[in-house]
Protein backbone atom coordinates (compact mmCIF):
# COMPACT_ATOMS: atom_id res chain seq x y z
CA MET A 1 0.78 -8.38 -16.67
CA GLU A 2 4.34 -8.00 -15.42
CA PRO A 3 4.55 -8.53 -11.65
CA LEU A 4 5.29 -5.54 -9.43
CA SER A 5 7.88 -5.79 -6.69
CA VAL A 6 6.31 -4.73 -3.40
CA ALA A 7 7.93 -4.36 0.01
CA TYR A 8 6.32 -3.83 3.40
CA SER A 9 6.81 -4.95 6.98
CA PRO A 10 5.51 -8.21 8.48
CA CYS A 11 3.55 -6.15 11.02
CA PRO A 12 -0.18 -6.86 11.30
CA ASN A 13 -1.28 -3.49 9.91
CA ASP A 14 0.66 -4.01 6.68
CA THR A 15 -0.32 -7.63 6.13
CA PHE A 16 -3.95 -6.73 6.89
CA VAL A 17 -3.94 -3.81 4.42
CA PHE A 18 -2.14 -5.63 1.61
CA HIS A 19 -3.66 -9.12 1.97
CA ALA A 20 -6.09 -8.76 -0.93
CA LEU A 21 -3.53 -7.17 -3.27
CA ALA A 22 -0.86 -9.74 -2.38
CA HIS A 23 -3.26 -12.62 -3.05
CA GLY A 24 -4.59 -11.46 -6.42
CA LEU A 25 -7.98 -10.47 -5.04
CA VAL A 26 -8.05 -6.92 -6.41
CA ALA A 27 -9.67 -6.73 -9.83
CA GLY A 28 -7.44 -5.22 -12.49
CA ALA A 29 -4.31 -5.17 -10.33
CA PRO A 30 -1.14 -6.85 -11.58
CA PRO A 31 0.42 -9.77 -9.72
CA VAL A 32 2.86 -8.72 -7.02
CA GLU A 33 6.04 -10.21 -5.60
CA VAL A 34 6.20 -9.35 -1.90
CA THR A 35 9.32 -8.79 0.18
CA PHE A 36 8.90 -8.53 3.96
CA ALA A 37 11.39 -6.24 5.68
CA ASP A 38 11.70 -3.88 8.65
CA VAL A 39 11.25 -0.24 7.74
CA ASP A 40 14.95 0.56 8.17
CA VAL A 41 15.65 -1.96 5.41
CA THR A 42 12.96 -0.61 3.08
CA ASN A 43 14.10 2.99 3.66
CA THR A 44 17.56 2.05 2.42
CA ALA A 45 16.32 -0.15 -0.43
CA ALA A 46 14.01 2.59 -1.68
CA GLU A 47 16.92 5.00 -1.87
CA ARG A 48 18.40 2.55 -4.39
CA GLY A 49 15.06 2.28 -6.23
CA GLU A 50 14.77 -1.45 -5.58
CA PHE A 51 10.97 -1.79 -5.33
CA ASP A 52 7.99 -0.67 -7.40
CA LEU A 53 5.70 -0.15 -4.39
CA VAL A 54 7.30 0.25 -0.97
CA LYS A 55 6.39 1.11 2.63
CA VAL A 56 8.87 3.57 4.12
CA SER A 57 9.13 6.06 6.97
CA TYR A 58 7.75 9.53 6.33
CA ALA A 59 11.05 10.77 7.77
CA ALA A 60 12.89 9.19 4.83
CA LEU A 61 10.88 11.03 2.14
CA PRO A 62 13.42 13.84 1.58
CA TRP A 63 15.87 11.25 0.22
CA LEU A 64 13.30 9.34 -1.85
CA LEU A 65 11.00 11.74 -3.70
CA ASP A 66 13.29 11.95 -6.71
CA LYS A 67 12.60 8.27 -7.41
CA TYR A 68 9.17 7.80 -5.86
CA GLU A 69 5.78 9.47 -5.54
CA LEU A 70 3.84 9.50 -2.28
CA LEU A 71 0.49 7.71 -2.49
CA PRO A 72 -2.45 9.08 -0.47
CA CYS A 73 -3.39 5.72 1.05
CA GLY A 74 -2.10 2.49 2.54
CA GLY A 75 0.26 4.02 5.09
CA ALA A 76 0.29 4.46 8.85
CA LEU A 77 -0.80 7.81 10.27
CA GLY A 78 -3.08 8.49 13.19
CA ARG A 79 -3.57 9.54 16.77
CA GLY A 80 -2.53 7.74 19.94
CA CYS A 81 -0.14 5.54 17.96
CA GLY A 82 3.23 7.21 18.37
CA PRO A 83 6.61 5.71 19.26
CA LEU A 84 7.58 5.13 22.89
CA LEU A 85 10.95 5.70 24.54
CA LEU A 86 11.40 2.85 27.01
CA VAL A 87 13.75 2.46 29.99
CA ASN A 88 14.27 -0.18 32.67
CA ASP A 89 15.23 2.14 35.52
CA GLU A 90 14.08 5.32 37.19
CA ARG A 91 16.06 7.76 35.05
CA ALA A 92 14.36 11.06 34.28
CA ASP A 93 16.42 12.03 31.25
CA LEU A 94 18.93 10.65 28.74
CA ALA A 95 22.09 12.29 30.05
CA GLY A 96 24.97 9.91 29.24
CA ALA A 97 22.57 7.28 27.87
CA THR A 98 22.96 4.81 25.02
CA VAL A 99 19.70 4.52 23.09
CA ALA A 100 18.68 1.74 20.71
CA VAL A 101 16.61 2.90 17.73
CA PRO A 102 15.00 0.95 14.85
CA GLY A 103 16.58 3.06 12.09
CA ASP A 104 18.32 6.38 11.60
CA ARG A 105 15.78 7.58 9.02
CA THR A 106 12.67 6.30 10.77
CA THR A 107 9.91 8.66 11.84
CA ALA A 108 10.35 7.35 15.37
CA TYR A 109 13.96 8.51 15.47
CA LEU A 110 13.12 11.86 13.88
CA LEU A 111 10.40 12.49 16.47
CA PHE A 112 12.87 11.49 19.17
CA ARG A 113 15.47 13.98 17.92
CA LEU A 114 12.90 16.78 17.69
CA TRP A 115 11.67 16.02 21.22
CA ALA A 116 15.16 15.74 22.74
CA GLY A 117 16.31 19.09 21.35
CA GLU A 118 19.69 20.03 22.78
CA VAL A 119 19.70 17.18 25.32
CA GLN A 120 20.67 14.40 22.92
CA PRO A 121 21.89 11.04 24.32
CA ALA A 122 25.55 10.14 24.50
CA ARG A 123 25.19 7.38 21.91
CA VAL A 124 22.59 5.99 19.50
CA GLU A 125 22.71 2.46 18.05
CA VAL A 126 20.58 1.24 15.13
CA VAL A 127 19.44 -2.32 15.83
CA PRO A 128 16.73 -4.68 14.54
CA PHE A 129 13.40 -3.76 16.06
CA HIS A 130 12.81 -7.15 17.70
CA GLU A 131 16.04 -6.84 19.72
CA ILE A 132 15.22 -3.51 21.36
CA MET A 133 12.92 -4.44 24.24
CA PRO A 134 14.83 -7.54 25.42
CA GLY A 135 18.08 -5.59 25.04
CA VAL A 136 16.90 -2.70 27.20
CA ALA A 137 15.50 -5.14 29.75
CA ALA A 138 18.88 -6.89 29.92
CA GLY A 139 20.77 -3.61 30.32
CA ARG A 140 22.45 -3.72 26.92
CA TRP A 141 21.07 -0.24 26.22
CA ASP A 142 19.88 2.42 28.65
CA ALA A 143 16.79 3.19 26.59
CA GLY A 144 15.04 1.97 23.48
CA LEU A 145 12.79 3.54 20.90
CA VAL A 146 9.92 1.25 19.93
CA ILE A 147 6.92 1.30 17.61
CA HIS A 148 3.84 -0.72 16.65
CA GLU A 149 2.89 -3.69 18.82
CA ALA A 150 5.47 -2.77 21.46
CA ARG A 151 2.88 -0.28 22.75
CA PHE A 152 0.90 -3.25 24.01
CA THR A 153 3.69 -5.53 25.24
CA TYR A 154 6.54 -3.49 26.76
CA GLN A 155 5.29 -4.07 30.32
CA ASN A 156 5.96 -7.77 29.78
CA TYR A 157 9.68 -6.90 29.74
CA GLY A 158 9.51 -4.92 32.97
CA LEU A 159 10.02 -1.65 31.09
CA ARG A 160 8.39 1.74 31.52
CA SER A 161 7.72 4.53 29.06
CA LEU A 162 9.85 7.63 29.63
CA VAL A 163 7.91 9.53 26.97
CA ASP A 164 5.16 8.82 24.47
CA LEU A 165 6.43 10.72 21.44
CA GLY A 166 3.02 10.58 19.81
CA GLU A 167 1.42 12.34 22.77
CA TRP A 168 4.23 14.91 22.68
CA TRP A 169 3.74 15.51 18.94
CA GLU A 170 -0.04 15.76 19.16
CA SER A 171 0.03 18.14 22.15
CA ASP A 172 2.64 20.31 20.44
CA THR A 173 1.05 20.44 16.98
CA GLY A 174 -2.56 19.29 17.30
CA LEU A 175 -1.89 17.04 14.31
CA PRO A 176 -1.93 13.27 13.79
CA ILE A 177 1.36 11.37 13.74
CA PRO A 178 2.78 10.51 10.29
CA LEU A 179 4.61 7.20 10.63
CA GLY A 180 4.75 5.07 7.47
CA ALA A 181 4.17 6.05 3.83
CA ILE A 182 3.47 4.08 0.66
CA LEU A 183 5.51 5.12 -2.36
CA ALA A 184 5.22 4.26 -6.07
CA ARG A 185 8.32 4.22 -8.28
CA ARG A 186 8.28 6.99 -10.86
CA GLY A 187 8.24 5.77 -14.46
CA LYS A 188 7.25 2.24 -13.42
CA VAL A 189 3.95 2.48 -11.55
CA ASP A 190 0.96 4.67 -12.41
CA PRO A 191 0.25 6.37 -9.06
CA ALA A 192 -3.48 6.75 -9.74
CA ALA A 193 -3.83 3.06 -10.57
CA ALA A 194 -1.74 2.00 -7.56
CA THR A 195 -3.87 4.20 -5.31
CA ALA A 196 -7.02 2.49 -6.60
CA TRP A 197 -5.54 -1.00 -6.05
CA ILE A 198 -4.45 -0.26 -2.50
CA ARG A 199 -7.73 1.39 -1.56
CA GLU A 200 -9.61 -1.64 -2.84
CA SER A 201 -7.30 -3.88 -0.79
CA VAL A 202 -8.05 -1.78 2.32
CA ARG A 203 -11.80 -1.94 1.66
CA ALA A 204 -11.61 -5.71 1.22
CA ALA A 205 -9.76 -6.05 4.53
CA TRP A 206 -12.37 -4.02 6.37
CA ALA A 207 -15.25 -5.85 4.68
CA ASP A 208 -13.95 -9.30 5.70
CA PRO A 209 -11.35 -9.08 8.48
CA ALA A 210 -11.27 -12.85 8.90
CA ALA A 211 -9.96 -13.35 5.36
CA SER A 212 -6.52 -11.99 6.24
CA ARG A 213 -6.23 -13.61 9.67
CA ASP A 214 -3.94 -16.49 8.66
CA TYR A 215 -1.73 -14.17 6.60
CA VAL A 216 -1.41 -11.76 9.51
CA MET A 217 -0.68 -14.57 11.96
CA ALA A 218 1.91 -16.18 9.69
CA HIS A 219 4.09 -13.06 9.60
CA ALA A 220 3.50 -11.29 12.92
CA GLN A 221 6.32 -11.11 15.43
CA GLU A 222 3.79 -10.86 18.25
CA MET A 223 1.72 -14.05 18.11
CA ASP A 224 -1.06 -13.12 20.56
CA PRO A 225 -4.18 -12.67 18.38
CA ALA A 226 -5.56 -10.08 20.79
CA VAL A 227 -2.43 -7.94 20.38
CA GLN A 228 -2.64 -8.31 16.60
CA GLU A 229 -6.24 -7.09 16.64
CA GLN A 230 -5.30 -4.10 18.83
CA HIS A 231 -2.45 -3.33 16.45
CA ILE A 232 -4.70 -3.37 13.38
CA ALA A 233 -7.45 -1.35 15.06
CA LEU A 234 -4.96 1.38 16.01
CA TYR A 235 -2.88 1.67 12.86
CA VAL A 236 -5.46 0.94 10.15
CA ASN A 237 -7.81 3.90 10.28
CA GLU A 238 -9.40 6.62 8.15
CA PHE A 239 -5.97 7.91 7.11
CA THR A 240 -5.15 4.49 5.67
CA ALA A 241 -7.87 4.92 3.07
CA GLU A 242 -7.33 8.64 2.49
CA LEU A 243 -4.48 10.79 3.78
CA GLY A 244 -6.63 13.90 3.39
CA ASP A 245 -5.91 17.50 4.32
CA ALA A 246 -5.03 16.72 7.95
CA GLY A 247 -2.69 13.96 6.85
CA TYR A 248 -0.80 16.13 4.39
CA GLU A 249 -0.63 18.93 6.97
CA ALA A 250 0.92 16.52 9.46
CA VAL A 251 3.50 15.27 6.97
CA ASN A 252 4.43 18.81 5.93
CA ALA A 253 4.74 19.87 9.57
CA LEU A 254 7.05 16.95 10.36
CA LEU A 255 9.31 17.47 7.36
CA GLY A 256 9.29 21.24 7.81
CA ARG A 257 10.40 21.00 11.43
CA ALA A 258 13.01 18.40 10.52
CA ALA A 259 14.51 20.60 7.80
CA LYS A 260 14.49 23.67 10.06
CA ALA A 261 16.39 21.68 12.69
CA GLY A 262 18.91 20.54 10.08
CA PHE A 263 17.96 16.88 10.41
CA THR A 264 16.73 16.37 6.82
CA PRO A 265 17.00 18.14 3.45
CA GLU A 266 14.22 20.58 2.63
CA VAL A 267 11.37 19.39 0.39
CA PRO A 268 8.53 21.37 -1.19
CA PRO A 269 5.16 21.02 0.60
CA LEU A 270 3.37 17.81 -0.35
CA ARG A 271 -0.21 18.13 -1.55
CA ALA A 272 -3.08 15.87 -2.55
């Protein structure tokens, strides 16, 4: 079979989920050629239609659904796993602040804009994710928007959380937080088949967590195995196997609010 081009992040949740598929361990699945990239990179690449299967931000979907179809599995959506806005001082707000963010079409940045409302910062800079915490600690930026394993390590940089945007979203909506989505390229990948392959890869990961350990370790930016395990336990959950009604409701709520605020184009409600 012709190989499929697949792109996802080097974060532990993605390498854990896709280990079996990437290593030819899913029966009936084609071989895959994997590209590792931060989500800001995959958001942009997907807009150009560069990959057959790709992990992107839910916030980027309004620009991508003409080329791709959302799959109901494999992504990152849950509770207690939202982005954090970090600072290194005692500021109470972002008046006059410069904020580092991991991408202008990331869900983290969209949640930040929805939370900030009319009190937007003076300046926003898009920077590679791994530079944000050390940069805020050094005073390069007044605040930084972080995701994933940064939830467990930001105190190591002497930083504090000004707001947990996941807590804000959940308290405001009662819904889980839609972070990262898996998309299949229209006309190239059968979405039903891709869904089956990814679900089998997830099941394999849960059945034998040790099998993916070296793969996870080889690509993780945070090398502490305990942090990697926390990361996987938080971001690989029931929504990874099945987005379900609550998952689709969360995605539709996010994109609906974003369109109403003028941050993204409108899209029809997504359904299972």
